[in-house]
Amino acid sequence: MGEEIASRYLKHKGYTILNRNYASRHGEIDLIAFHNMTLVFVEVKTRKNYDYIYACESVNYQKQTKIKLTANKYLAENLLYFDDIRFDVIECYWQSKQVNHIENAF
């Protein structure tokens, strides 16, 4: 459900969603979008609240590495080249109905 909320949020901000739940042997990317000549790989994290830990904190170095490898696979598989590529994290919190978009998260 968090991915649907994030997708709607990005569309509202003018992003074009190119792919959802793209998977390779390295991992999965929740959303791949295009905005202002930039290809954006988005990791969506959904939590009930942020009482103990922010959702973005679960995107550690190991997870970032998997996302980057998966992004490289996506680019190669689709024969794509972009000057501007970005990795974002979108946090969705159920209790407060809050969405935080962290651009250039890593």
N, C-alpha and C. Protein backbone atom coordinates (compact mmCIF):
# COMPACT_ATOMS: atom_id res chain seq x y z
N MET A 1 0.81 -1.20 0.00
CA MET A 1 0.00 0.00 0.00
C MET A 1 0.86 1.27 0.00
N GLY A 2 2.01 1.21 0.65
CA GLY A 2 2.90 2.35 0.69
C GLY A 2 3.39 2.73 -0.69
N GLU A 3 3.64 1.73 -1.53
CA GLU A 3 4.09 2.00 -2.89
C GLU A 3 3.02 2.71 -3.70
N GLU A 4 1.77 2.37 -3.47
CA GLU A 4 0.67 3.04 -4.16
C GLU A 4 0.58 4.50 -3.73
N ILE A 5 0.71 4.75 -2.44
CA ILE A 5 0.70 6.11 -1.92
C ILE A 5 1.86 6.91 -2.50
N ALA A 6 3.06 6.30 -2.50
CA ALA A 6 4.24 6.98 -3.04
C ALA A 6 4.09 7.26 -4.53
N SER A 7 3.52 6.32 -5.25
CA SER A 7 3.30 6.49 -6.68
C SER A 7 2.35 7.67 -6.95
N ARG A 8 1.28 7.73 -6.22
CA ARG A 8 0.32 8.84 -6.37
C ARG A 8 0.97 10.17 -6.01
N TYR A 9 1.76 10.16 -4.94
CA TYR A 9 2.46 11.36 -4.49
C TYR A 9 3.38 11.88 -5.60
N LEU A 10 4.17 10.97 -6.18
CA LEU A 10 5.10 11.37 -7.24
C LEU A 10 4.36 11.88 -8.48
N LYS A 11 3.29 11.20 -8.87
CA LYS A 11 2.50 11.65 -10.02
C LYS A 11 1.96 13.05 -9.78
N HIS A 12 1.50 13.30 -8.57
CA HIS A 12 0.99 14.62 -8.21
C HIS A 12 2.08 15.69 -8.32
N LYS A 13 3.33 15.32 -8.07
CA LYS A 13 4.47 16.23 -8.15
C LYS A 13 5.02 16.35 -9.57
N GLY A 14 4.39 15.66 -10.54
CA GLY A 14 4.81 15.78 -11.92
C GLY A 14 5.75 14.71 -12.42
N TYR A 15 5.97 13.67 -11.63
CA TYR A 15 6.83 12.56 -12.03
C TYR A 15 6.05 11.63 -12.96
N THR A 16 6.77 10.97 -13.84
CA THR A 16 6.20 9.91 -14.66
C THR A 16 6.72 8.59 -14.13
N ILE A 17 5.84 7.69 -13.76
CA ILE A 17 6.25 6.39 -13.24
C ILE A 17 6.54 5.48 -14.43
N LEU A 18 7.77 4.98 -14.51
CA LEU A 18 8.19 4.11 -15.60
C LEU A 18 8.04 2.64 -15.27
N ASN A 19 8.25 2.31 -14.00
CA ASN A 19 8.23 0.90 -13.61
C ASN A 19 7.95 0.80 -12.12
N ARG A 20 7.28 -0.29 -11.75
CA ARG A 20 7.03 -0.59 -10.33
C ARG A 20 7.54 -1.99 -10.05
N ASN A 21 8.17 -2.14 -8.89
CA ASN A 21 8.66 -3.43 -8.42
C ASN A 21 9.56 -4.12 -9.44
N TYR A 22 10.53 -3.39 -9.96
CA TYR A 22 11.50 -3.98 -10.88
C TYR A 22 12.45 -4.86 -10.07
N ALA A 23 12.63 -6.10 -10.50
CA ALA A 23 13.47 -7.05 -9.75
C ALA A 23 14.55 -7.63 -10.64
N SER A 24 15.70 -7.85 -10.03
CA SER A 24 16.80 -8.58 -10.66
C SER A 24 17.34 -9.54 -9.61
N ARG A 25 18.38 -10.25 -9.96
CA ARG A 25 18.95 -11.20 -8.98
C ARG A 25 19.59 -10.46 -7.81
N HIS A 26 19.86 -9.17 -7.97
CA HIS A 26 20.49 -8.38 -6.91
C HIS A 26 19.49 -7.85 -5.89
N GLY A 27 18.25 -7.63 -6.35
CA GLY A 27 17.26 -7.06 -5.45
C GLY A 27 16.09 -6.49 -6.21
N GLU A 28 15.40 -5.56 -5.57
CA GLU A 28 14.20 -4.96 -6.15
C GLU A 28 14.23 -3.46 -5.95
N ILE A 29 13.68 -2.75 -6.94
CA ILE A 29 13.48 -1.31 -6.82
C ILE A 29 11.98 -1.08 -6.85
N ASP A 30 11.49 -0.37 -5.84
CA ASP A 30 10.05 -0.18 -5.70
C ASP A 30 9.45 0.63 -6.83
N LEU A 31 10.04 1.80 -7.12
CA LEU A 31 9.53 2.66 -8.18
C LEU A 31 10.69 3.22 -9.00
N ILE A 32 10.48 3.29 -10.30
CA ILE A 32 11.42 3.96 -11.18
C ILE A 32 10.63 5.05 -11.88
N ALA A 33 11.12 6.29 -11.76
CA ALA A 33 10.36 7.43 -12.27
C ALA A 33 11.27 8.36 -13.07
N PHE A 34 10.62 9.25 -13.79
CA PHE A 34 11.33 10.25 -14.59
C PHE A 34 10.77 11.61 -14.23
N HIS A 35 11.69 12.57 -13.96
CA HIS A 35 11.26 13.92 -13.58
C HIS A 35 12.35 14.92 -13.92
N ASN A 36 11.99 15.96 -14.66
CA ASN A 36 12.94 17.02 -15.01
C ASN A 36 14.25 16.49 -15.58
N MET A 37 14.14 15.59 -16.55
CA MET A 37 15.31 15.01 -17.22
C MET A 37 16.19 14.15 -16.31
N THR A 38 15.62 13.69 -15.21
CA THR A 38 16.35 12.87 -14.24
C THR A 38 15.63 11.54 -14.07
N LEU A 39 16.39 10.45 -14.13
CA LEU A 39 15.86 9.13 -13.83
C LEU A 39 15.99 8.92 -12.33
N VAL A 40 14.88 8.57 -11.69
CA VAL A 40 14.85 8.48 -10.23
C VAL A 40 14.47 7.06 -9.81
N PHE A 41 15.35 6.44 -9.03
CA PHE A 41 15.09 5.13 -8.44
C PHE A 41 14.63 5.39 -7.00
N VAL A 42 13.45 4.85 -6.66
CA VAL A 42 12.82 5.18 -5.39
C VAL A 42 12.63 3.93 -4.54
N GLU A 43 13.11 4.01 -3.31
CA GLU A 43 12.86 2.98 -2.31
C GLU A 43 11.75 3.50 -1.40
N VAL A 44 10.69 2.73 -1.25
CA VAL A 44 9.55 3.13 -0.42
C VAL A 44 9.59 2.33 0.88
N LYS A 45 9.50 3.05 1.98
CA LYS A 45 9.47 2.41 3.30
C LYS A 45 8.20 2.86 4.02
N THR A 46 7.44 1.89 4.48
CA THR A 46 6.17 2.17 5.15
C THR A 46 6.25 1.69 6.60
N ARG A 47 5.78 2.53 7.50
CA ARG A 47 5.77 2.20 8.92
C ARG A 47 4.47 2.71 9.54
N LYS A 48 4.13 2.16 10.68
CA LYS A 48 2.96 2.63 11.41
C LYS A 48 3.23 4.05 11.93
N ASN A 49 4.38 4.24 12.54
CA ASN A 49 4.77 5.54 13.06
C ASN A 49 6.29 5.63 13.12
N TYR A 50 6.80 6.71 13.63
CA TYR A 50 8.26 6.85 13.75
C TYR A 50 8.66 7.08 15.21
N ASP A 51 8.01 6.34 16.10
CA ASP A 51 8.32 6.47 17.52
C ASP A 51 9.73 5.99 17.86
N TYR A 52 10.20 4.94 17.19
CA TYR A 52 11.48 4.34 17.56
C TYR A 52 12.56 4.53 16.51
N ILE A 53 12.18 4.48 15.25
CA ILE A 53 13.16 4.59 14.17
C ILE A 53 12.46 5.16 12.93
N TYR A 54 13.14 6.03 12.25
CA TYR A 54 12.59 6.55 11.00
C TYR A 54 12.70 5.48 9.92
N ALA A 55 11.74 5.44 9.05
CA ALA A 55 11.71 4.41 8.01
C ALA A 55 12.97 4.44 7.14
N CYS A 56 13.47 5.62 6.85
CA CYS A 56 14.64 5.73 5.97
C CYS A 56 15.89 5.09 6.58
N GLU A 57 15.92 4.95 7.89
CA GLU A 57 17.09 4.37 8.56
C GLU A 57 17.27 2.89 8.21
N SER A 58 16.24 2.26 7.70
CA SER A 58 16.37 0.85 7.32
C SER A 58 17.01 0.69 5.94
N VAL A 59 17.25 1.79 5.25
CA VAL A 59 17.95 1.73 3.96
C VAL A 59 19.44 1.91 4.25
N ASN A 60 20.03 0.84 4.75
CA ASN A 60 21.43 0.86 5.16
C ASN A 60 22.36 0.66 3.95
N TYR A 61 23.65 0.61 4.22
CA TYR A 61 24.64 0.49 3.16
C TYR A 61 24.41 -0.75 2.30
N GLN A 62 24.10 -1.87 2.93
CA GLN A 62 23.86 -3.12 2.20
C GLN A 62 22.65 -2.97 1.27
N LYS A 63 21.57 -2.38 1.75
CA LYS A 63 20.38 -2.17 0.93
C LYS A 63 20.68 -1.19 -0.21
N GLN A 64 21.43 -0.15 0.07
CA GLN A 64 21.81 0.82 -0.96
C GLN A 64 22.62 0.16 -2.06
N THR A 65 23.54 -0.71 -1.68
CA THR A 65 24.36 -1.43 -2.66
C THR A 65 23.49 -2.29 -3.56
N LYS A 66 22.53 -3.00 -2.98
CA LYS A 66 21.61 -3.83 -3.77
C LYS A 66 20.79 -2.99 -4.74
N ILE A 67 20.32 -1.85 -4.27
CA ILE A 67 19.53 -0.97 -5.13
C ILE A 67 20.38 -0.45 -6.29
N LYS A 68 21.61 -0.07 -6.01
CA LYS A 68 22.50 0.44 -7.07
C LYS A 68 22.80 -0.65 -8.10
N LEU A 69 23.06 -1.86 -7.65
CA LEU A 69 23.31 -2.96 -8.58
C LEU A 69 22.07 -3.25 -9.43
N THR A 70 20.91 -3.21 -8.81
CA THR A 70 19.66 -3.44 -9.53
C THR A 70 19.41 -2.31 -10.53
N ALA A 71 19.73 -1.08 -10.16
CA ALA A 71 19.58 0.06 -11.06
C ALA A 71 20.49 -0.10 -12.29
N ASN A 72 21.72 -0.53 -12.06
CA ASN A 72 22.64 -0.77 -13.18
C ASN A 72 22.09 -1.83 -14.13
N LYS A 73 21.50 -2.87 -13.56
CA LYS A 73 20.89 -3.93 -14.36
C LYS A 73 19.74 -3.37 -15.19
N TYR A 74 18.91 -2.54 -14.57
CA TYR A 74 17.78 -1.93 -15.28
C TYR A 74 18.27 -1.08 -16.45
N LEU A 75 19.29 -0.28 -16.22
CA LEU A 75 19.83 0.58 -17.28
C LEU A 75 20.39 -0.26 -18.43
N ALA A 76 21.15 -1.29 -18.09
CA ALA A 76 21.76 -2.14 -19.11
C ALA A 76 20.70 -2.93 -19.89
N GLU A 77 19.75 -3.45 -19.18
CA GLU A 77 18.70 -4.27 -19.78
C GLU A 77 17.85 -3.45 -20.77
N ASN A 78 17.66 -2.19 -20.45
CA ASN A 78 16.82 -1.33 -21.27
C ASN A 78 17.63 -0.41 -22.19
N LEU A 79 18.94 -0.63 -22.23
CA LEU A 79 19.84 0.17 -23.06
C LEU A 79 19.63 1.67 -22.85
N LEU A 80 19.60 2.07 -21.59
CA LEU A 80 19.35 3.46 -21.23
C LEU A 80 20.62 4.14 -20.75
N TYR A 81 20.72 5.42 -21.04
CA TYR A 81 21.81 6.24 -20.52
C TYR A 81 21.22 7.58 -20.11
N PHE A 82 21.48 7.99 -18.89
CA PHE A 82 21.03 9.28 -18.38
C PHE A 82 22.20 10.01 -17.75
N ASP A 83 22.29 11.30 -17.99
CA ASP A 83 23.30 12.11 -17.33
C ASP A 83 22.97 12.28 -15.85
N ASP A 84 21.67 12.36 -15.57
CA ASP A 84 21.23 12.58 -14.19
C ASP A 84 20.42 11.39 -13.70
N ILE A 85 20.97 10.75 -12.67
CA ILE A 85 20.29 9.63 -12.01
C ILE A 85 20.30 9.94 -10.52
N ARG A 86 19.20 9.63 -9.87
CA ARG A 86 19.08 9.95 -8.45
C ARG A 86 18.45 8.77 -7.71
N PHE A 87 18.82 8.62 -6.45
CA PHE A 87 18.25 7.60 -5.59
C PHE A 87 17.52 8.29 -4.44
N ASP A 88 16.21 8.10 -4.39
CA ASP A 88 15.37 8.73 -3.37
C ASP A 88 14.77 7.68 -2.45
N VAL A 89 14.34 8.13 -1.29
CA VAL A 89 13.59 7.30 -0.36
C VAL A 89 12.30 8.05 -0.03
N ILE A 90 11.19 7.33 -0.06
CA ILE A 90 9.92 7.90 0.37
C ILE A 90 9.44 7.11 1.58
N GLU A 91 9.21 7.85 2.66
CA GLU A 91 8.69 7.26 3.89
C GLU A 91 7.19 7.50 3.95
N CYS A 92 6.44 6.45 4.25
CA CYS A 92 4.99 6.56 4.44
C CYS A 92 4.67 6.10 5.85
N TYR A 93 4.00 6.96 6.62
CA TYR A 93 3.62 6.64 7.99
C TYR A 93 2.10 6.58 8.09
N TRP A 94 1.60 5.40 8.48
CA TRP A 94 0.15 5.16 8.52
C TRP A 94 -0.55 6.01 9.55
N GLN A 95 -0.03 6.03 10.78
CA GLN A 95 -0.75 6.69 11.87
C GLN A 95 -0.95 8.18 11.61
N SER A 96 0.08 8.85 11.17
CA SER A 96 -0.01 10.30 10.95
C SER A 96 -0.38 10.66 9.52
N LYS A 97 -0.47 9.66 8.66
CA LYS A 97 -0.77 9.87 7.24
C LYS A 97 0.23 10.84 6.61
N GLN A 98 1.48 10.68 7.00
CA GLN A 98 2.55 11.56 6.56
C GLN A 98 3.40 10.88 5.49
N VAL A 99 3.81 11.65 4.48
CA VAL A 99 4.71 11.16 3.44
C VAL A 99 5.93 12.08 3.42
N ASN A 100 7.10 11.50 3.57
CA ASN A 100 8.36 12.26 3.50
C ASN A 100 9.13 11.80 2.28
N HIS A 101 9.48 12.73 1.41
CA HIS A 101 10.24 12.41 0.21
C HIS A 101 11.67 12.92 0.41
N ILE A 102 12.61 12.00 0.46
CA ILE A 102 14.01 12.35 0.66
C ILE A 102 14.72 12.21 -0.68
N GLU A 103 14.99 13.32 -1.33
CA GLU A 103 15.68 13.30 -2.62
C GLU A 103 17.17 13.13 -2.38
N ASN A 104 17.84 12.44 -3.32
CA ASN A 104 19.28 12.18 -3.21
C ASN A 104 19.63 11.55 -1.87
N ALA A 105 18.85 10.58 -1.47
CA ALA A 105 19.03 9.95 -0.15
C ALA A 105 20.39 9.27 -0.02
N PHE A 106 20.89 8.75 -1.15
CA PHE A 106 22.22 8.13 -1.15
C PHE A 106 22.80 8.16 -2.53
